[in-house]
C-alpha atoms as a PDB file:
ATOM      1  CA  MET A   1      -0.030   0.001  -0.009  1.00  0.00           C
ATOM      2  CA  SER A   2       1.332   3.429  -0.938  1.00  0.00           C
ATOM      3  CA  ARG A   3       2.028   6.037   1.699  1.00  0.00           C
ATOM      4  CA  ILE A   4      -0.941   8.120   0.423  1.00  0.00           C
ATOM      5  CA  GLY A   5      -3.222   5.079   0.463  1.00  0.00           C
ATOM      6  CA  GLY A   6      -2.200   4.336   4.055  1.00  0.00           C
ATOM      7  CA  PHE A   7      -2.815   7.902   5.079  1.00  0.00           C
ATOM      8  CA  LEU A   8      -6.284   7.840   3.525  1.00  0.00           C
ATOM      9  CA  LEU A   9      -7.114   4.556   5.237  1.00  0.00           C
ATOM     10  CA  VAL A  10      -6.109   5.960   8.643  1.00  0.00           C
ATOM     11  CA  MET A  11      -8.178   9.083   8.011  1.00  0.00           C
ATOM     12  CA  LEU A  12     -11.222   6.996   7.042  1.00  0.00           C
ATOM     13  CA  VAL A  13     -10.880   4.833  10.196  1.00  0.00           C
ATOM     14  CA  ALA A  14     -10.488   7.990  12.336  1.00  0.00           C
ATOM     15  CA  MET A  15     -13.544   9.606  10.774  1.00  0.00           C
ATOM     16  CA  ALA A  16     -15.600   6.455  11.192  1.00  0.00           C
ATOM     17  CA  THR A  17     -14.459   6.177  14.847  1.00  0.00           C
ATOM     18  CA  THR A  18     -15.291   9.794  15.557  1.00  0.00           C
ATOM     19  CA  THR A  19     -18.686   9.472  13.908  1.00  0.00           C
ATOM     20  CA  GLY A  20     -19.406   6.302  15.904  1.00  0.00           C
ATOM     21  CA  LEU A  21     -18.376   7.962  19.179  1.00  0.00           C
ATOM     22  CA  ALA A  22     -20.465  11.014  18.414  1.00  0.00           C
ATOM     23  CA  PHE A  23     -23.491   8.896  17.673  1.00  0.00           C
ATOM     24  CA  LEU A  24     -22.994   6.914  20.844  1.00  0.00           C
ATOM     25  CA  LEU A  25     -22.760  10.110  22.898  1.00  0.00           C
ATOM     26  CA  TYR A  26     -25.933  11.374  21.195  1.00  0.00           C
ATOM     27  CA  ARG A  27     -27.850   8.166  21.890  1.00  0.00           C
ATOM     28  CA  ASN A  28     -26.778   8.178  25.549  1.00  0.00           C
ATOM     29  CA  GLU A  29     -27.682  11.838  25.956  1.00  0.00           C
ATOM     30  CA  LEU A  30     -31.061  11.387  24.204  1.00  0.00           C
ATOM     31  CA  GLY A  31     -31.843   8.501  26.435  1.00  0.00           C
ATOM     32  CA  ARG A  32     -30.953  10.420  29.532  1.00  0.00           C
ATOM     33  CA  LEU A  33     -33.061  13.383  28.396  1.00  0.00           C
ATOM     34  CA  ARG A  34     -36.095  11.187  27.624  1.00  0.00           C
ATOM     35  CA  ASP A  35     -35.771   9.637  31.075  1.00  0.00           C
ATOM     36  CA  ALA A  36     -35.552  13.065  32.690  1.00  0.00           C
ATOM     37  CA  VAL A  37     -38.771  14.371  31.109  1.00  0.00           C
ATOM     38  CA  SER A  38     -40.638  11.136  31.923  1.00  0.00           C
ATOM     39  CA  GLN A  39     -40.184  11.849  35.612  1.00  0.00           C
ATOM     40  CA  GLY A  40     -41.246  14.691  37.956  1.00  0.00           C
ATOM     41  CA  SER A  41     -44.693  15.281  36.411  1.00  0.00           C
ATOM     42  CA  LEU A  42     -48.261  14.031  36.651  1.00  0.00           C
ATOM     43  CA  VAL A  43     -51.138  13.982  34.172  1.00  0.00           C
ATOM     44  CA  ALA A  44     -54.565  15.365  35.079  1.00  0.00           C
ATOM     45  CA  ASN A  45     -57.456  14.023  33.027  1.00  0.00           C
ATOM     46  CA  LEU A  46     -59.633  17.080  32.569  1.00  0.00           C
ATOM     47  CA  ASP A  47     -62.822  17.606  30.489  1.00  0.00           C
ATOM     48  CA  ILE A  48     -60.630  19.349  27.903  1.00  0.00           C
ATOM     49  CA  GLY A  49     -58.305  16.344  27.833  1.00  0.00           C
ATOM     50  CA  PRO A  50     -55.128  15.170  29.539  1.00  0.00           C
ATOM     51  CA  ILE A  51     -52.795  17.903  30.827  1.00  0.00           C
ATOM     52  CA  GLU A  52     -49.287  17.163  32.055  1.00  0.00           C
ATOM     53  CA  TYR A  53     -48.073  19.260  34.977  1.00  0.00           C
ATOM     54  CA  ALA A  54     -45.548  19.499  37.773  1.00  0.00           C
ATOM     55  CA  ASP A  55     -46.477  20.629  41.321  1.00  0.00           C
ATOM     56  CA  SER A  56     -43.465  21.636  43.332  1.00  0.00           C
ATOM     57  CA  GLY A  57     -42.648  23.608  46.461  1.00  0.00           C
ATOM     58  CA  ALA A  58     -44.726  25.307  49.090  1.00  0.00           C
ATOM     59  CA  GLY A  59     -46.031  28.839  49.557  1.00  0.00           C
ATOM     60  CA  SER A  60     -48.198  31.132  47.446  1.00  0.00           C
ATOM     61  CA  PRO A  61     -49.450  29.329  44.286  1.00  0.00           C
ATOM     62  CA  LEU A  62     -47.681  30.315  41.089  1.00  0.00           C
ATOM     63  CA  LEU A  63     -48.743  29.063  37.667  1.00  0.00           C
ATOM     64  CA  SER A  64     -45.674  29.043  35.432  1.00  0.00           C
ATOM     65  CA  ILE A  65     -46.573  28.957  31.736  1.00  0.00           C
ATOM     66  CA  HIS A  66     -43.663  28.163  29.489  1.00  0.00           C
ATOM     67  CA  GLY A  67     -42.804  29.538  26.076  1.00  0.00           C
ATOM     68  CA  ALA A  68     -42.138  27.803  22.765  1.00  0.00           C
ATOM     69  CA  GLY A  69     -39.887  24.779  22.990  1.00  0.00           C
ATOM     70  CA  GLY A  70     -40.807  24.206  26.604  1.00  0.00           C
ATOM     71  CA  GLY A  71     -42.772  21.897  28.839  1.00  0.00           C
ATOM     72  CA  PHE A  72     -43.340  21.401  32.507  1.00  0.00           C
ATOM     73  CA  ASP A  73     -39.580  21.146  33.093  1.00  0.00           C
ATOM     74  CA  GLN A  74     -38.917  24.536  31.500  1.00  0.00           C
ATOM     75  CA  GLY A  75     -41.837  26.000  33.495  1.00  0.00           C
ATOM     76  CA  LEU A  76     -40.207  24.883  36.742  1.00  0.00           C
ATOM     77  CA  ALA A  77     -36.812  26.358  35.741  1.00  0.00           C
ATOM     78  CA  LEU A  78     -38.368  29.651  34.632  1.00  0.00           C
ATOM     79  CA  ALA A  79     -40.261  30.021  37.916  1.00  0.00           C
ATOM     80  CA  ALA A  80     -37.064  29.521  39.872  1.00  0.00           C
ATOM     81  CA  ASP A  81     -35.203  32.044  37.692  1.00  0.00           C
ATOM     82  CA  LEU A  82     -37.904  34.676  37.772  1.00  0.00           C
ATOM     83  CA  ALA A  83     -39.415  34.431  41.203  1.00  0.00           C
ATOM     84  CA  GLY A  84     -37.066  32.408  43.373  1.00  0.00           C
ATOM     85  CA  GLY A  85     -38.255  30.279  46.261  1.00  0.00           C
ATOM     86  CA  GLY A  86     -41.252  30.511  48.581  1.00  0.00           C
ATOM     87  CA  PHE A  87     -43.842  29.508  45.933  1.00  0.00           C
ATOM     88  CA  ARG A  88     -45.930  26.428  45.215  1.00  0.00           C
ATOM     89  CA  VAL A  89     -45.113  26.217  41.506  1.00  0.00           C
ATOM     90  CA  ILE A  90     -47.614  24.627  39.202  1.00  0.00           C
ATOM     91  CA  ALA A  91     -46.057  24.135  35.780  1.00  0.00           C
ATOM     92  CA  PRO A  92     -48.172  22.667  32.976  1.00  0.00           C
ATOM     93  CA  SER A  93     -46.958  21.381  29.662  1.00  0.00           C
ATOM     94  CA  ARG A  94     -49.016  23.335  27.143  1.00  0.00           C
ATOM     95  CA  PHE A  95     -50.763  21.718  24.204  1.00  0.00           C
ATOM     96  CA  GLY A  96     -48.421  19.571  22.106  1.00  0.00           C
ATOM     97  CA  TYR A  97     -45.563  19.562  24.638  1.00  0.00           C
ATOM     98  CA  LEU A  98     -44.261  16.387  26.192  1.00  0.00           C
ATOM     99  CA  ARG A  99     -47.247  14.340  27.519  1.00  0.00           C
ATOM    100  CA  THR A 100     -49.974  16.919  26.785  1.00  0.00           C
ATOM    101  CA  PRO A 101     -51.584  16.037  23.424  1.00  0.00           C
ATOM    102  CA  VAL A 102     -52.948  18.512  20.825  1.00  0.00           C
ATOM    103  CA  PRO A 103     -56.698  18.844  21.331  1.00  0.00           C
ATOM    104  CA  ARG A 104     -59.267  19.634  18.663  1.00  0.00           C
ATOM    105  CA  ASP A 105     -59.031  23.297  19.620  1.00  0.00           C
ATOM    106  CA  PRO A 106     -55.440  24.250  20.458  1.00  0.00           C
ATOM    107  CA  SER A 107     -56.101  28.001  20.602  1.00  0.00           C
ATOM    108  CA  PRO A 108     -54.731  30.240  23.421  1.00  0.00           C
ATOM    109  CA  ALA A 109     -58.344  30.669  24.626  1.00  0.00           C
ATOM    110  CA  ALA A 110     -58.748  26.882  24.995  1.00  0.00           C
ATOM    111  CA  GLN A 111     -55.379  26.665  26.632  1.00  0.00           C
ATOM    112  CA  GLY A 112     -56.442  29.385  29.064  1.00  0.00           C
ATOM    113  CA  ASP A 113     -59.503  27.370  29.947  1.00  0.00           C
ATOM    114  CA  ALA A 114     -57.257  24.292  30.465  1.00  0.00           C
ATOM    115  CA  HIS A 115     -55.096  26.309  32.899  1.00  0.00           C
ATOM    116  CA  ALA A 116     -58.206  27.279  34.865  1.00  0.00           C
ATOM    117  CA  ALA A 117     -59.412  23.681  34.959  1.00  0.00           C
ATOM    118  CA  LEU A 118     -56.059  22.473  36.193  1.00  0.00           C
ATOM    119  CA  LEU A 119     -56.038  25.009  39.031  1.00  0.00           C
ATOM    120  CA  SER A 120     -59.562  23.941  39.949  1.00  0.00           C
ATOM    121  CA  ARG A 121     -58.579  20.299  39.933  1.00  0.00           C
ATOM    122  CA  LEU A 122     -55.651  21.083  42.275  1.00  0.00           C
ATOM    123  CA  ASN A 123     -57.946  23.054  44.594  1.00  0.00           C
ATOM    124  CA  VAL A 124     -56.008  26.289  43.893  1.00  0.00           C
ATOM    125  CA  PRO A 125     -58.601  29.090  44.028  1.00  0.00           C
ATOM    126  CA  LYS A 126     -56.211  31.805  42.812  1.00  0.00           C
ATOM    127  CA  ALA A 127     -52.552  31.938  41.647  1.00  0.00           C
ATOM    128  CA  VAL A 128     -49.892  34.331  40.470  1.00  0.00           C
ATOM    129  CA  VAL A 129     -49.744  33.684  36.714  1.00  0.00           C
ATOM    130  CA  VAL A 130     -46.423  34.006  34.870  1.00  0.00           C
ATOM    131  CA  GLY A 131     -46.546  33.732  31.058  1.00  0.00           C
ATOM    132  CA  VAL A 132     -43.238  33.681  29.181  1.00  0.00           C
ATOM    133  CA  SER A 133     -42.925  34.427  25.433  1.00  0.00           C
ATOM    134  CA  ALA A 134     -45.579  32.343  23.611  1.00  0.00           C
ATOM    135  CA  GLY A 135     -46.940  31.357  27.004  1.00  0.00           C
ATOM    136  CA  ALA A 136     -48.086  34.887  27.525  1.00  0.00           C
ATOM    137  CA  ARG A 137     -51.006  34.263  25.095  1.00  0.00           C
ATOM    138  CA  SER A 138     -52.749  31.698  27.245  1.00  0.00           C
ATOM    139  CA  ALA A 139     -51.839  33.623  30.358  1.00  0.00           C
ATOM    140  CA  VAL A 140     -53.698  36.660  29.107  1.00  0.00           C
ATOM    141  CA  GLU A 141     -56.641  34.453  27.998  1.00  0.00           C
ATOM    142  CA  LEU A 142     -56.817  32.847  31.465  1.00  0.00           C
ATOM    143  CA  THR A 143     -56.831  36.339  33.049  1.00  0.00           C
ATOM    144  CA  LEU A 144     -59.624  37.562  30.783  1.00  0.00           C
ATOM    145  CA  ARG A 145     -61.736  34.461  30.843  1.00  0.00           C
ATOM    146  CA  HIS A 146     -61.263  33.452  34.516  1.00  0.00           C
ATOM    147  CA  PRO A 147     -60.328  36.657  36.374  1.00  0.00           C
ATOM    148  CA  ASP A 148     -61.161  35.096  39.713  1.00  0.00           C
ATOM    149  CA  LYS A 149     -58.290  32.670  39.255  1.00  0.00           C
ATOM    150  CA  VAL A 150     -55.532  35.249  38.824  1.00  0.00           C
ATOM    151  CA  ALA A 151     -53.975  37.023  41.823  1.00  0.00           C
ATOM    152  CA  ALA A 152     -51.389  38.835  39.671  1.00  0.00           C
ATOM    153  CA  LEU A 153     -50.219  38.591  36.079  1.00  0.00           C
ATOM    154  CA  ILE A 154     -46.553  38.669  35.013  1.00  0.00           C
ATOM    155  CA  LEU A 155     -45.710  38.678  31.313  1.00  0.00           C
ATOM    156  CA  ILE A 156     -42.136  38.154  30.332  1.00  0.00           C
ATOM    157  CA  VAL A 157     -41.011  39.001  26.733  1.00  0.00           C
ATOM    158  CA  PRO A 158     -44.641  38.450  25.690  1.00  0.00           C
ATOM    159  CA  ALA A 159     -45.240  37.136  22.147  1.00  0.00           C
ATOM    160  CA  LEU A 160     -48.608  39.026  21.946  1.00  0.00           C
ATOM    161  CA  TYR A 161     -50.431  41.133  19.436  1.00  0.00           C
ATOM    162  CA  SER A 162     -49.012  44.474  18.366  1.00  0.00           C
ATOM    163  CA  PRO A 163     -50.855  46.651  15.807  1.00  0.00           C
ATOM    164  CA  THR A 164     -47.693  48.229  14.397  1.00  0.00           C
ATOM    165  CA  SER A 165     -44.799  45.885  14.758  1.00  0.00           C
ATOM    166  CA  PRO A 166     -45.552  42.178  15.071  1.00  0.00           C
ATOM    167  CA  VAL A 167     -43.440  39.572  16.832  1.00  0.00           C
ATOM    168  CA  SER A 168     -41.031  38.102  14.306  1.00  0.00           C
ATOM    169  CA  ILE A 169     -37.804  36.196  13.870  1.00  0.00           C
ATOM    170  CA  ASP A 170     -34.817  36.791  11.646  1.00  0.00           C
ATOM    171  CA  VAL A 171     -34.456  34.371   8.739  1.00  0.00           C
ATOM    172  CA  GLY A 172     -30.742  34.340   8.332  1.00  0.00           C
ATOM    173  CA  CYS A 173     -28.747  31.238   7.390  1.00  0.00           C
ATOM    174  CA  GLY A 174     -28.305  30.107  11.049  1.00  0.00           C
ATOM    175  CA  ASN A 175     -32.015  30.455  11.772  1.00  0.00           C
ATOM    176  CA  LYS A 176     -32.862  28.634   8.572  1.00  0.00           C
ATOM    177  CA  PHE A 177     -30.795  25.670   9.834  1.00  0.00           C
ATOM    178  CA  ALA A 178     -32.549  25.860  13.226  1.00  0.00           C
ATOM    179  CA  PHE A 179     -35.969  26.035  11.500  1.00  0.00           C
ATOM    180  CA  TRP A 180     -35.009  22.975   9.523  1.00  0.00           C
ATOM    181  CA  ALA A 181     -34.064  21.121  12.662  1.00  0.00           C
ATOM    182  CA  VAL A 182     -37.287  22.051  14.355  1.00  0.00           C
ATOM    183  CA  ASN A 183     -39.482  21.186  11.348  1.00  0.00           C
ATOM    184  CA  ALA A 184     -37.698  17.848  10.965  1.00  0.00           C
ATOM    185  CA  GLY A 185     -38.221  17.144  14.703  1.00  0.00           C
ATOM    186  CA  GLY A 186     -34.427  16.805  14.479  1.00  0.00           C
ATOM    187  CA  ASP A 187     -33.105  15.638  17.835  1.00  0.00           C
ATOM    188  CA  PHE A 188     -29.716  14.866  16.421  1.00  0.00           C
ATOM    189  CA  ALA A 189     -29.483  18.193  14.519  1.00  0.00           C
ATOM    190  CA  TRP A 190     -30.305  20.180  17.634  1.00  0.00           C
ATOM    191  CA  TRP A 191     -27.890  18.153  19.773  1.00  0.00           C
ATOM    192  CA  ALA A 192     -25.071  18.506  17.197  1.00  0.00           C
ATOM    193  CA  ALA A 193     -25.576  22.286  16.841  1.00  0.00           C
ATOM    194  CA  GLU A 194     -25.635  22.638  20.641  1.00  0.00           C
ATOM    195  CA  THR A 195     -22.376  20.678  20.838  1.00  0.00           C
ATOM    196  CA  ILE A 196     -20.515  22.250  17.873  1.00  0.00           C
ATOM    197  CA  THR A 197     -22.057  25.682  17.126  1.00  0.00           C
ATOM    198  CA  PRO A 198     -24.341  26.736  20.049  1.00  0.00           C
ATOM    199  CA  SER A 199     -24.284  30.315  18.775  1.00  0.00           C
ATOM    200  CA  ILE A 200     -26.746  29.279  16.065  1.00  0.00           C
ATOM    201  CA  LEU A 201     -29.265  28.135  18.650  1.00  0.00           C
ATOM    202  CA  ILE A 202     -28.665  31.056  20.917  1.00  0.00           C
ATOM    203  CA  ARG A 203     -29.549  33.427  18.072  1.00  0.00           C
ATOM    204  CA  PHE A 204     -32.563  31.260  17.175  1.00  0.00           C
ATOM    205  CA  LEU A 205     -33.763  31.725  20.797  1.00  0.00           C
ATOM    206  CA  GLY A 206     -33.747  35.505  20.370  1.00  0.00           C
ATOM    207  CA  VAL A 207     -30.350  36.526  21.805  1.00  0.00           C
ATOM    208  CA  ARG A 208     -27.294  37.942  20.084  1.00  0.00           C
ATOM    209  CA  PRO A 209     -24.444  35.430  20.678  1.00  0.00           C
ATOM    210  CA  ALA A 210     -21.960  38.221  21.387  1.00  0.00           C
ATOM    211  CA  LEU A 211     -24.103  39.269  24.364  1.00  0.00           C
ATOM    212  CA  VAL A 212     -23.782  35.788  25.871  1.00  0.00           C
ATOM    213  CA  THR A 213     -20.055  35.611  25.140  1.00  0.00           C
ATOM    214  CA  ALA A 214     -19.505  38.774  27.103  1.00  0.00           C
ATOM    215  CA  ALA A 215     -21.758  37.792  30.014  1.00  0.00           C
ATOM    216  CA  PRO A 216     -20.556  36.354  33.340  1.00  0.00           C
ATOM    217  CA  GLN A 217     -20.128  32.551  33.549  1.00  0.00           C
ATOM    218  CA  ALA A 218     -23.323  32.122  35.523  1.00  0.00           C
ATOM    219  CA  GLU A 219     -25.345  33.817  32.800  1.00  0.00           C
ATOM    220  CA  ARG A 220     -23.629  31.762  30.048  1.00  0.00           C
ATOM    221  CA  ASP A 221     -24.494  28.635  31.959  1.00  0.00           C
ATOM    222  CA  ARG A 222     -28.121  29.757  32.328  1.00  0.00           C
ATOM    223  CA  VAL A 223     -28.423  30.421  28.604  1.00  0.00           C
ATOM    224  CA  MET A 224     -26.959  27.019  27.730  1.00  0.00           C
ATOM    225  CA  SER A 225     -29.298  25.403  30.206  1.00  0.00           C
ATOM    226  CA  PHE A 226     -32.172  26.965  28.358  1.00  0.00           C
ATOM    227  CA  VAL A 227     -30.770  25.700  25.001  1.00  0.00           C
ATOM    228  CA  ARG A 228     -30.605  22.210  26.435  1.00  0.00           C
ATOM    229  CA  SER A 229     -34.127  22.515  27.836  1.00  0.00           C
ATOM    230  CA  VAL A 230     -35.537  22.275  24.328  1.00  0.00           C
ATOM    231  CA  GLU A 231     -34.369  18.735  24.059  1.00  0.00           C
ATOM    232  CA  PRO A 232     -35.698  16.163  23.220  1.00  0.00           C
ATOM    233  CA  LEU A 233     -36.951  18.356  20.384  1.00  0.00           C
ATOM    234  CA  SER A 234     -39.173  15.560  18.933  1.00  0.00           C
ATOM    235  CA  LEU A 235     -41.238  15.463  22.135  1.00  0.00           C
ATOM    236  CA  ARG A 236     -41.945  19.221  21.834  1.00  0.00           C
ATOM    237  CA  PHE A 237     -42.381  19.512  18.086  1.00  0.00           C
ATOM    238  CA  SER A 238     -46.158  19.505  18.040  1.00  0.00           C
ATOM    239  CA  GLY A 239     -46.334  22.368  20.445  1.00  0.00           C
ATOM    240  CA  ILE A 240     -43.640  24.346  18.627  1.00  0.00           C
ATOM    241  CA  ASN A 241     -45.719  23.891  15.462  1.00  0.00           C
ATOM    242  CA  ILE A 242     -48.708  25.472  17.207  1.00  0.00           C
ATOM    243  CA  ASP A 243     -46.681  28.413  18.594  1.00  0.00           C
ATOM    244  CA  SER A 244     -44.974  29.025  15.278  1.00  0.00           C
ATOM    245  CA  ALA A 245     -48.221  29.855  13.422  1.00  0.00           C
ATOM    246  CA  PRO A 246     -50.212  32.051  15.863  1.00  0.00           C
ATOM    247  CA  GLU A 247     -53.361  33.878  14.866  1.00  0.00           C
ATOM    248  CA  LEU A 248     -52.784  36.988  16.922  1.00  0.00           C
ATOM    249  CA  HIS A 249     -55.511  39.523  17.257  1.00  0.00           C
ATOM    250  CA  GLU A 250     -56.377  42.339  19.579  1.00  0.00           C
ATOM    251  CA  LEU A 251     -57.942  41.347  22.868  1.00  0.00           C
ATOM    252  CA  PRO A 252     -59.889  43.438  25.373  1.00  0.00           C
ATOM    253  CA  LEU A 253     -56.866  43.941  27.605  1.00  0.00           C
ATOM    254  CA  GLU A 254     -58.546  46.958  29.195  1.00  0.00           C
ATOM    255  CA  GLU A 255     -60.824  44.468  30.983  1.00  0.00           C
ATOM    256  CA  ILE A 256     -57.946  42.903  32.927  1.00  0.00           C
ATOM    257  CA  THR A 257     -58.252  43.776  36.614  1.00  0.00           C
ATOM    258  CA  ALA A 258     -55.395  41.727  38.069  1.00  0.00           C
ATOM    259  CA  PRO A 259     -52.179  43.658  39.026  1.00  0.00           C
ATOM    260  CA  THR A 260     -49.975  43.246  35.974  1.00  0.00           C
ATOM    261  CA  MET A 261     -46.237  43.537  35.277  1.00  0.00           C
ATOM    262  CA  ILE A 262     -44.675  43.225  31.843  1.00  0.00           C
ATOM    263  CA  ILE A 263     -40.986  42.828  31.089  1.00  0.00           C
ATOM    264  CA  SER A 264     -39.164  42.988  27.749  1.00  0.00           C
ATOM    265  CA  ALA A 265     -35.844  44.071  26.144  1.00  0.00           C
ATOM    266  CA  ARG A 266     -35.138  46.510  23.314  1.00  0.00           C
ATOM    267  CA  ASP A 267     -32.770  44.025  21.575  1.00  0.00           C
ATOM    268  CA  ASP A 268     -35.035  41.034  21.791  1.00  0.00           C
ATOM    269  CA  LEU A 269     -34.566  39.361  18.401  1.00  0.00           C
ATOM    270  CA  PHE A 270     -38.204  38.259  18.531  1.00  0.00           C
ATOM    271  CA  ASN A 271     -39.304  41.906  18.661  1.00  0.00           C
ATOM    272  CA  THR A 272     -41.546  41.536  21.708  1.00  0.00           C
ATOM    273  CA  LEU A 273     -41.112  45.098  22.922  1.00  0.00           C
ATOM    274  CA  PRO A 274     -43.879  46.649  20.718  1.00  0.00           C
ATOM    275  CA  ALA A 275     -46.309  44.040  22.006  1.00  0.00           C
ATOM    276  CA  ALA A 276     -45.220  44.639  25.589  1.00  0.00           C
ATOM    277  CA  GLU A 277     -45.666  48.383  25.236  1.00  0.00           C
ATOM    278  CA  PHE A 278     -49.082  47.947  23.603  1.00  0.00           C
ATOM    279  CA  ALA A 279     -50.281  45.595  26.365  1.00  0.00           C
ATOM    280  CA  ALA A 280     -48.964  47.891  29.069  1.00  0.00           C
ATOM    281  CA  GLY A 281     -50.797  50.801  27.516  1.00  0.00           C
ATOM    282  CA  LYS A 282     -54.076  48.859  27.459  1.00  0.00           C
ATOM    283  CA  ILE A 283     -54.062  47.051  30.837  1.00  0.00           C
ATOM    284  CA  PRO A 284     -55.104  49.413  33.648  1.00  0.00           C
ATOM    285  CA  GLY A 285     -52.222  50.162  36.013  1.00  0.00           C
ATOM    286  CA  ALA A 286     -49.781  47.796  34.278  1.00  0.00           C
ATOM    287  CA  LYS A 287     -46.100  48.203  35.217  1.00  0.00           C
ATOM    288  CA  LEU A 288     -43.740  48.029  32.255  1.00  0.00           C
ATOM    289  CA  VAL A 289     -39.993  47.209  32.736  1.00  0.00           C
ATOM    290  CA  VAL A 290     -37.778  47.508  29.691  1.00  0.00           C
ATOM    291  CA  TYR A 291     -34.086  46.695  29.476  1.00  0.00           C
ATOM    292  CA  ASP A 292     -31.872  48.112  26.734  1.00  0.00           C
ATOM    293  CA  THR A 293     -30.084  44.803  26.286  1.00  0.00           C
ATOM    294  CA  GLY A 294     -30.653  41.157  27.215  1.00  0.00           C
ATOM    295  CA  GLY A 295     -32.439  39.703  24.221  1.00  0.00           C
ATOM    296  CA  HIS A 296     -35.285  37.245  24.543  1.00  0.00           C
ATOM    297  CA  LEU A 297     -33.722  35.491  27.540  1.00  0.00           C
ATOM    298  CA  LEU A 298     -32.997  38.838  29.397  1.00  0.00           C
ATOM    299  CA  VAL A 299     -29.284  37.973  29.555  1.00  0.00           C
ATOM    300  CA  GLY A 300     -27.427  39.863  32.286  1.00  0.00           C
ATOM    301  CA  HIS A 301     -30.611  40.800  34.179  1.00  0.00           C
ATOM    302  CA  ALA A 302     -31.532  37.633  36.080  1.00  0.00           C
ATOM    303  CA  GLN A 303     -31.111  39.184  39.534  1.00  0.00           C
ATOM    304  CA  GLN A 304     -32.737  42.417  38.560  1.00  0.00           C
ATOM    305  CA  VAL A 305     -35.778  40.614  37.140  1.00  0.00           C
ATOM    306  CA  ARG A 306     -36.119  38.442  40.236  1.00  0.00           C
ATOM    307  CA  LYS A 307     -35.946  41.542  42.476  1.00  0.00           C
ATOM    308  CA  ALA A 308     -38.421  43.487  40.310  1.00  0.00           C
ATOM    309  CA  VAL A 309     -40.859  40.526  40.361  1.00  0.00           C
ATOM    310  CA  ARG A 310     -40.599  40.244  44.134  1.00  0.00           C
ATOM    311  CA  VAL A 311     -41.134  44.044  44.672  1.00  0.00           C
ATOM    312  CA  PHE A 312     -44.157  43.925  42.299  1.00  0.00           C
ATOM    313  CA  LEU A 313     -45.750  40.983  44.113  1.00  0.00           C
ATOM    314  CA  GLU A 314     -45.172  42.571  47.506  1.00  0.00           C
ATOM    315  CA  GLY A 315     -46.712  45.741  46.267  1.00  0.00           C
ATOM    316  CA  ALA A 316     -49.714  43.838  44.929  1.00  0.00           C
ATOM    317  CA  GLY A 317     -50.163  42.212  48.353  1.00  0.00           C
ATOM    318  CA  VAL A 318     -49.670  38.715  46.901  1.00  0.00           C
ATOM    319  CA  ILE A 319     -46.680  37.885  49.152  1.00  0.00           C
ATOM    320  CA  PRO A 320     -45.638  39.392  52.447  1.00  0.00           C
END
């Protein structure tokens, strides 16, 4: 065998070995992730259909409604990030996420009714309601349709209706790849991008990668934890599909009577600020907090957000 032929053979063996190891790592990680989301939750069989949820902690009830790509696990993590301890956190998986199937009517209004039914099943007369990103839609519907259930409403980077500048996402090359991975239900594609080029997924989640690179280690870890929370992608695809094609329209926000706080960032790549400003202008007495930077995940403001939420809830008389 020639020297060149030997070199090529070694390269082929090395490539095959690397590919095999990568696939083994992926299979092990996917198995671990599937095991993780199969634990820590229950399923309530309601009139509207089965709803998966987690019920954790003790204190004032808090309904944590996750955004696109989430599930009960993301709802628990978001509640810890945004509000800290001292709450009984009820975190449902919205329609199409994990063990909650897609019903005949998957609209935010129907989802709001499902939230109310879950609270009733758990004998929770009233809760603080936190709606994040696409989760803000059903949080608002719950507040409008079942006002007696909502002690206070907190909307974080809300993907709601805006008459002038709708929520959107950039369609650059990186996001096209991420869209492809999502549309394919591509567990391996998401895992590979997270491992090799996480900046693609960070941008896809509404944050400029440079902002994360410059952030303290704790914030970088938090962002990557959020990136990983989308896995297994295939178990969340149906819900992502619903969230990706919203039929947003103006709601009678002026009828909301619950104390309301809305938080967004000017550089959110999903452009949620116009919707946040519109909602704050319509909801009586709503408090609007806007950060100049932070993106969709409010990078660099975790402690500020938690403090602002606490001060708001204290002022609303929800917590002592």
